[in-house]
Amino acid sequence: MFHKIDYPFLIGAFVSFLASVSLWFLKSHEYGLFVGLWVPSILSLWVGVRVVILAMGITTRKNR
C-alpha cells in the first residue's frame, strides 16, 4: 500500500504535529500555530508527488 517515497512525508507530518503541540503548550501559541500549518502543507505536497508518480506510470511494484 505504501511505497518508499511515502514514509518521509508521513514521518515529517507526524514530527511537525508533535512539534506543534509541544510548542503550543510549552512555548507560545503563535509558534505552535505556525508549525501546525506545516502538517497540511506536507501532506498536500505528498499528494502532489503521488499524483505525478501515478501520472508518469512509475511504480515500485514488480509487474506480474
PDB file of N, CA and C in Angstrom:
ATOM      1  N   MET A   1       0.815  -1.179   0.000  1.00  0.00           N
ATOM      2  CA  MET A   1       0.000   0.000   0.000  1.00  0.00           C
ATOM      3  C   MET A   1       0.871   1.260   0.000  1.00  0.00           C
ATOM      4  N   PHE A   2       1.826   1.339   0.907  1.00  0.00           N
ATOM      5  CA  PHE A   2       2.741   2.469   0.936  1.00  0.00           C
ATOM      6  C   PHE A   2       4.015   2.126   0.183  1.00  0.00           C
ATOM      7  N   HIS A   3       4.588   3.133  -0.443  1.00  0.00           N
ATOM      8  CA  HIS A   3       5.841   2.969  -1.145  1.00  0.00           C
ATOM      9  C   HIS A   3       6.943   3.667  -0.364  1.00  0.00           C
ATOM     10  N   LYS A   4       8.170   3.473  -0.791  1.00  0.00           N
ATOM     11  CA  LYS A   4       9.301   4.088  -0.096  1.00  0.00           C
ATOM     12  C   LYS A   4       9.201   5.612  -0.069  1.00  0.00           C
ATOM     13  N   ILE A   5       8.621   6.207  -1.090  1.00  0.00           N
ATOM     14  CA  ILE A   5       8.531   7.658  -1.179  1.00  0.00           C
ATOM     15  C   ILE A   5       7.529   8.220  -0.168  1.00  0.00           C
ATOM     16  N   ASP A   6       6.625   7.413   0.343  1.00  0.00           N
ATOM     17  CA  ASP A   6       5.579   7.882   1.250  1.00  0.00           C
ATOM     18  C   ASP A   6       6.082   8.134   2.664  1.00  0.00           C
ATOM     19  N   TYR A   7       7.012   7.343   3.119  1.00  0.00           N
ATOM     20  CA  TYR A   7       7.424   7.404   4.516  1.00  0.00           C
ATOM     21  C   TYR A   7       8.048   8.737   4.934  1.00  0.00           C
ATOM     22  N   PRO A   8       8.919   9.366   4.153  1.00  0.00           N
ATOM     23  CA  PRO A   8       9.435  10.672   4.591  1.00  0.00           C
ATOM     24  C   PRO A   8       8.341  11.723   4.788  1.00  0.00           C
ATOM     25  N   PHE A   9       7.337  11.713   3.932  1.00  0.00           N
ATOM     26  CA  PHE A   9       6.243  12.670   4.077  1.00  0.00           C
ATOM     27  C   PHE A   9       5.427  12.391   5.335  1.00  0.00           C
ATOM     28  N   LEU A  10       5.111  11.142   5.581  1.00  0.00           N
ATOM     29  CA  LEU A  10       4.320  10.792   6.764  1.00  0.00           C
ATOM     30  C   LEU A  10       5.094  11.062   8.050  1.00  0.00           C
ATOM     31  N   ILE A  11       6.363  10.737   8.057  1.00  0.00           N
ATOM     32  CA  ILE A  11       7.189  10.994   9.238  1.00  0.00           C
ATOM     33  C   ILE A  11       7.334  12.493   9.465  1.00  0.00           C
ATOM     34  N   GLY A  12       7.549  13.247   8.389  1.00  0.00           N
ATOM     35  CA  GLY A  12       7.670  14.689   8.514  1.00  0.00           C
ATOM     36  C   GLY A  12       6.403  15.336   9.041  1.00  0.00           C
ATOM     37  N   ALA A  13       5.253  14.887   8.572  1.00  0.00           N
ATOM     38  CA  ALA A  13       3.984  15.429   9.053  1.00  0.00           C
ATOM     39  C   ALA A  13       3.764  15.074  10.521  1.00  0.00           C
ATOM     40  N   PHE A  14       4.111  13.866  10.909  1.00  0.00           N
ATOM     41  CA  PHE A  14       3.931  13.456  12.300  1.00  0.00           C
ATOM     42  C   PHE A  14       4.866  14.227  13.231  1.00  0.00           C
ATOM     43  N   VAL A  15       6.107  14.396  12.836  1.00  0.00           N
ATOM     44  CA  VAL A  15       7.060  15.161  13.649  1.00  0.00           C
ATOM     45  C   VAL A  15       6.615  16.613  13.749  1.00  0.00           C
ATOM     46  N   SER A  16       6.134  17.157  12.661  1.00  0.00           N
ATOM     47  CA  SER A  16       5.628  18.528  12.672  1.00  0.00           C
ATOM     48  C   SER A  16       4.435  18.663  13.612  1.00  0.00           C
ATOM     49  N   PHE A  17       3.557  17.686  13.605  1.00  0.00           N
ATOM     50  CA  PHE A  17       2.412  17.706  14.518  1.00  0.00           C
ATOM     51  C   PHE A  17       2.862  17.679  15.970  1.00  0.00           C
ATOM     52  N   LEU A  18       3.814  16.796  16.279  1.00  0.00           N
ATOM     53  CA  LEU A  18       4.315  16.719  17.650  1.00  0.00           C
ATOM     54  C   LEU A  18       5.003  18.012  18.066  1.00  0.00           C
ATOM     55  N   ALA A  19       5.778  18.593  17.164  1.00  0.00           N
ATOM     56  CA  ALA A  19       6.449  19.862  17.460  1.00  0.00           C
ATOM     57  C   ALA A  19       5.427  20.970  17.678  1.00  0.00           C
ATOM     58  N   SER A  20       4.378  20.971  16.888  1.00  0.00           N
ATOM     59  CA  SER A  20       3.335  21.981  17.017  1.00  0.00           C
ATOM     60  C   SER A  20       2.644  21.902  18.372  1.00  0.00           C
ATOM     61  N   VAL A  21       2.283  20.698  18.782  1.00  0.00           N
ATOM     62  CA  VAL A  21       1.621  20.530  20.072  1.00  0.00           C
ATOM     63  C   VAL A  21       2.560  20.923  21.204  1.00  0.00           C
ATOM     64  N   SER A  22       3.818  20.530  21.090  1.00  0.00           N
ATOM     65  CA  SER A  22       4.797  20.882  22.119  1.00  0.00           C
ATOM     66  C   SER A  22       4.974  22.390  22.221  1.00  0.00           C
ATOM     67  N   LEU A  23       5.113  23.048  21.094  1.00  0.00           N
ATOM     68  CA  LEU A  23       5.261  24.499  21.110  1.00  0.00           C
ATOM     69  C   LEU A  23       4.013  25.189  21.639  1.00  0.00           C
ATOM     70  N   TRP A  24       2.853  24.686  21.298  1.00  0.00           N
ATOM     71  CA  TRP A  24       1.599  25.281  21.757  1.00  0.00           C
ATOM     72  C   TRP A  24       1.529  25.298  23.282  1.00  0.00           C
ATOM     73  N   PHE A  25       1.891  24.180  23.908  1.00  0.00           N
ATOM     74  CA  PHE A  25       1.761  24.076  25.354  1.00  0.00           C
ATOM     75  C   PHE A  25       2.990  24.570  26.118  1.00  0.00           C
ATOM     76  N   LEU A  26       4.176  24.487  25.528  1.00  0.00           N
ATOM     77  CA  LEU A  26       5.391  24.804  26.269  1.00  0.00           C
ATOM     78  C   LEU A  26       5.972  26.183  25.971  1.00  0.00           C
ATOM     79  N   LYS A  27       5.802  26.686  24.771  1.00  0.00           N
ATOM     80  CA  LYS A  27       6.470  27.930  24.394  1.00  0.00           C
ATOM     81  C   LYS A  27       5.468  29.049  24.146  1.00  0.00           C
ATOM     82  N   SER A  28       4.782  28.987  23.026  1.00  0.00           N
ATOM     83  CA  SER A  28       3.886  30.065  22.644  1.00  0.00           C
ATOM     84  C   SER A  28       2.807  29.519  21.716  1.00  0.00           C
ATOM     85  N   HIS A  29       1.612  30.042  21.847  1.00  0.00           N
ATOM     86  CA  HIS A  29       0.510  29.619  20.985  1.00  0.00           C
ATOM     87  C   HIS A  29       0.789  29.988  19.529  1.00  0.00           C
ATOM     88  N   GLU A  30       1.412  31.136  19.304  1.00  0.00           N
ATOM     89  CA  GLU A  30       1.698  31.574  17.935  1.00  0.00           C
ATOM     90  C   GLU A  30       2.704  30.649  17.250  1.00  0.00           C
ATOM     91  N   TYR A  31       3.742  30.236  17.969  1.00  0.00           N
ATOM     92  CA  TYR A  31       4.727  29.315  17.399  1.00  0.00           C
ATOM     93  C   TYR A  31       4.083  27.962  17.077  1.00  0.00           C
ATOM     94  N   GLY A  32       3.263  27.489  17.993  1.00  0.00           N
ATOM     95  CA  GLY A  32       2.577  26.223  17.770  1.00  0.00           C
ATOM     96  C   GLY A  32       1.645  26.278  16.572  1.00  0.00           C
ATOM     97  N   LEU A  33       0.958  27.402  16.423  1.00  0.00           N
ATOM     98  CA  LEU A  33       0.062  27.567  15.278  1.00  0.00           C
ATOM     99  C   LEU A  33       0.846  27.606  13.973  1.00  0.00           C
ATOM    100  N   PHE A  34       1.972  28.314  13.965  1.00  0.00           N
ATOM    101  CA  PHE A  34       2.800  28.404  12.760  1.00  0.00           C
ATOM    102  C   PHE A  34       3.310  27.035  12.338  1.00  0.00           C
ATOM    103  N   VAL A  35       3.850  26.297  13.267  1.00  0.00           N
ATOM    104  CA  VAL A  35       4.370  24.965  12.936  1.00  0.00           C
ATOM    105  C   VAL A  35       3.222  24.018  12.603  1.00  0.00           C
ATOM    106  N   GLY A  36       2.074  24.217  13.216  1.00  0.00           N
ATOM    107  CA  GLY A  36       0.910  23.378  12.928  1.00  0.00           C
ATOM    108  C   GLY A  36       0.429  23.513  11.491  1.00  0.00           C
ATOM    109  N   LEU A  37       0.690  24.658  10.880  1.00  0.00           N
ATOM    110  CA  LEU A  37       0.312  24.839   9.478  1.00  0.00           C
ATOM    111  C   LEU A  37       1.183  24.025   8.528  1.00  0.00           C
ATOM    112  N   TRP A  38       2.302  23.537   9.014  1.00  0.00           N
ATOM    113  CA  TRP A  38       3.174  22.718   8.171  1.00  0.00           C
ATOM    114  C   TRP A  38       2.545  21.361   7.873  1.00  0.00           C
ATOM    115  N   VAL A  39       1.764  20.829   8.791  1.00  0.00           N
ATOM    116  CA  VAL A  39       1.216  19.474   8.625  1.00  0.00           C
ATOM    117  C   VAL A  39       0.374  19.358   7.353  1.00  0.00           C
ATOM    118  N   PRO A  40      -0.637  20.203   7.139  1.00  0.00           N
ATOM    119  CA  PRO A  40      -1.393  20.070   5.887  1.00  0.00           C
ATOM    120  C   PRO A  40      -0.568  20.410   4.655  1.00  0.00           C
ATOM    121  N   SER A  41       0.431  21.272   4.826  1.00  0.00           N
ATOM    122  CA  SER A  41       1.303  21.594   3.691  1.00  0.00           C
ATOM    123  C   SER A  41       2.129  20.382   3.270  1.00  0.00           C
ATOM    124  N   ILE A  42       2.680  19.684   4.235  1.00  0.00           N
ATOM    125  CA  ILE A  42       3.477  18.484   3.943  1.00  0.00           C
ATOM    126  C   ILE A  42       2.596  17.410   3.308  1.00  0.00           C
ATOM    127  N   LEU A  43       1.400  17.214   3.853  1.00  0.00           N
ATOM    128  CA  LEU A  43       0.509  16.193   3.303  1.00  0.00           C
ATOM    129  C   LEU A  43       0.017  16.566   1.904  1.00  0.00           C
ATOM    130  N   SER A  44      -0.190  17.851   1.644  1.00  0.00           N
ATOM    131  CA  SER A  44      -0.578  18.295   0.299  1.00  0.00           C
ATOM    132  C   SER A  44       0.543  18.059  -0.696  1.00  0.00           C
ATOM    133  N   LEU A  45       1.761  18.334  -0.278  1.00  0.00           N
ATOM    134  CA  LEU A  45       2.912  18.063  -1.141  1.00  0.00           C
ATOM    135  C   LEU A  45       3.019  16.574  -1.431  1.00  0.00           C
ATOM    136  N   TRP A  46       2.755  15.746  -0.442  1.00  0.00           N
ATOM    137  CA  TRP A  46       2.789  14.295  -0.611  1.00  0.00           C
ATOM    138  C   TRP A  46       1.767  13.854  -1.662  1.00  0.00           C
ATOM    139  N   VAL A  47       0.559  14.397  -1.592  1.00  0.00           N
ATOM    140  CA  VAL A  47      -0.467  14.058  -2.575  1.00  0.00           C
ATOM    141  C   VAL A  47      -0.026  14.480  -3.968  1.00  0.00           C
ATOM    142  N   GLY A  48       0.550  15.663  -4.087  1.00  0.00           N
ATOM    143  CA  GLY A  48       1.041  16.120  -5.383  1.00  0.00           C
ATOM    144  C   GLY A  48       2.114  15.212  -5.955  1.00  0.00           C
ATOM    145  N   VAL A  49       3.028  14.796  -5.113  1.00  0.00           N
ATOM    146  CA  VAL A  49       4.088  13.883  -5.571  1.00  0.00           C
ATOM    147  C   VAL A  49       3.494  12.553  -6.009  1.00  0.00           C
ATOM    148  N   ARG A  50       2.519  12.041  -5.257  1.00  0.00           N
ATOM    149  CA  ARG A  50       1.897  10.770  -5.628  1.00  0.00           C
ATOM    150  C   ARG A  50       1.150  10.873  -6.960  1.00  0.00           C
ATOM    151  N   VAL A  51       0.484  11.996  -7.193  1.00  0.00           N
ATOM    152  CA  VAL A  51      -0.239  12.187  -8.453  1.00  0.00           C
ATOM    153  C   VAL A  51       0.738  12.204  -9.620  1.00  0.00           C
ATOM    154  N   VAL A  52       1.854  12.895  -9.466  1.00  0.00           N
ATOM    155  CA  VAL A  52       2.856  12.944 -10.530  1.00  0.00           C
ATOM    156  C   VAL A  52       3.425  11.557 -10.779  1.00  0.00           C
ATOM    157  N   ILE A  53       3.705  10.822  -9.709  1.00  0.00           N
ATOM    158  CA  ILE A  53       4.249   9.466  -9.869  1.00  0.00           C
ATOM    159  C   ILE A  53       3.253   8.573 -10.593  1.00  0.00           C
ATOM    160  N   LEU A  54       1.988   8.650 -10.212  1.00  0.00           N
ATOM    161  CA  LEU A  54       0.972   7.824 -10.874  1.00  0.00           C
ATOM    162  C   LEU A  54       0.763   8.248 -12.323  1.00  0.00           C
ATOM    163  N   ALA A  55       0.831   9.552 -12.594  1.00  0.00           N
ATOM    164  CA  ALA A  55       0.642  10.032 -13.961  1.00  0.00           C
ATOM    165  C   ALA A  55       1.787   9.604 -14.867  1.00  0.00           C
ATOM    166  N   MET A  56       2.972   9.509 -14.317  1.00  0.00           N
ATOM    167  CA  MET A  56       4.126   9.108 -15.112  1.00  0.00           C
ATOM    168  C   MET A  56       4.193   7.583 -15.252  1.00  0.00           C
ATOM    169  N   GLY A  57       3.404   6.876 -14.495  1.00  0.00           N
ATOM    170  CA  GLY A  57       3.391   5.420 -14.576  1.00  0.00           C
ATOM    171  C   GLY A  57       4.539   4.768 -13.867  1.00  0.00           C
ATOM    172  N   ILE A  58       5.157   5.485 -12.962  1.00  0.00           N
ATOM    173  CA  ILE A  58       6.274   4.931 -12.205  1.00  0.00           C
ATOM    174  C   ILE A  58       5.718   4.160 -11.021  1.00  0.00           C
ATOM    175  N   THR A  59       6.071   2.891 -10.940  1.00  0.00           N
ATOM    176  CA  THR A  59       5.653   2.077  -9.810  1.00  0.00           C
ATOM    177  C   THR A  59       6.862   1.371  -9.241  1.00  0.00           C
ATOM    178  N   THR A  60       6.780   1.030  -7.977  1.00  0.00           N
ATOM    179  CA  THR A  60       7.876   0.302  -7.358  1.00  0.00           C
ATOM    180  C   THR A  60       7.554  -1.186  -7.242  1.00  0.00           C
ATOM    181  N   ARG A  61       6.341  -1.567  -7.594  1.00  0.00           N
ATOM    182  CA  ARG A  61       5.973  -2.971  -7.555  1.00  0.00           C
ATOM    183  C   ARG A  61       6.370  -3.650  -8.856  1.00  0.00           C
ATOM    184  N   LYS A  62       6.701  -4.898  -8.755  1.00  0.00           N
ATOM    185  CA  LYS A  62       7.074  -5.654  -9.939  1.00  0.00           C
ATOM    186  C   LYS A  62       5.834  -6.021 -10.728  1.00  0.00           C
ATOM    187  N   ASN A  63       5.946  -5.956 -12.026  1.00  0.00           N
ATOM    188  CA  ASN A  63       4.827  -6.356 -12.894  1.00  0.00           C
ATOM    189  C   ASN A  63       4.667  -7.864 -12.849  1.00  0.00           C
ATOM    190  N   ARG A  64       3.438  -8.298 -12.820  1.00  0.00           N
ATOM    191  CA  ARG A  64       3.189  -9.742 -12.751  1.00  0.00           C
ATOM    192  C   ARG A  64       3.019 -10.327 -14.112  1.00  0.00           C
TER     193      ARG A  64
END
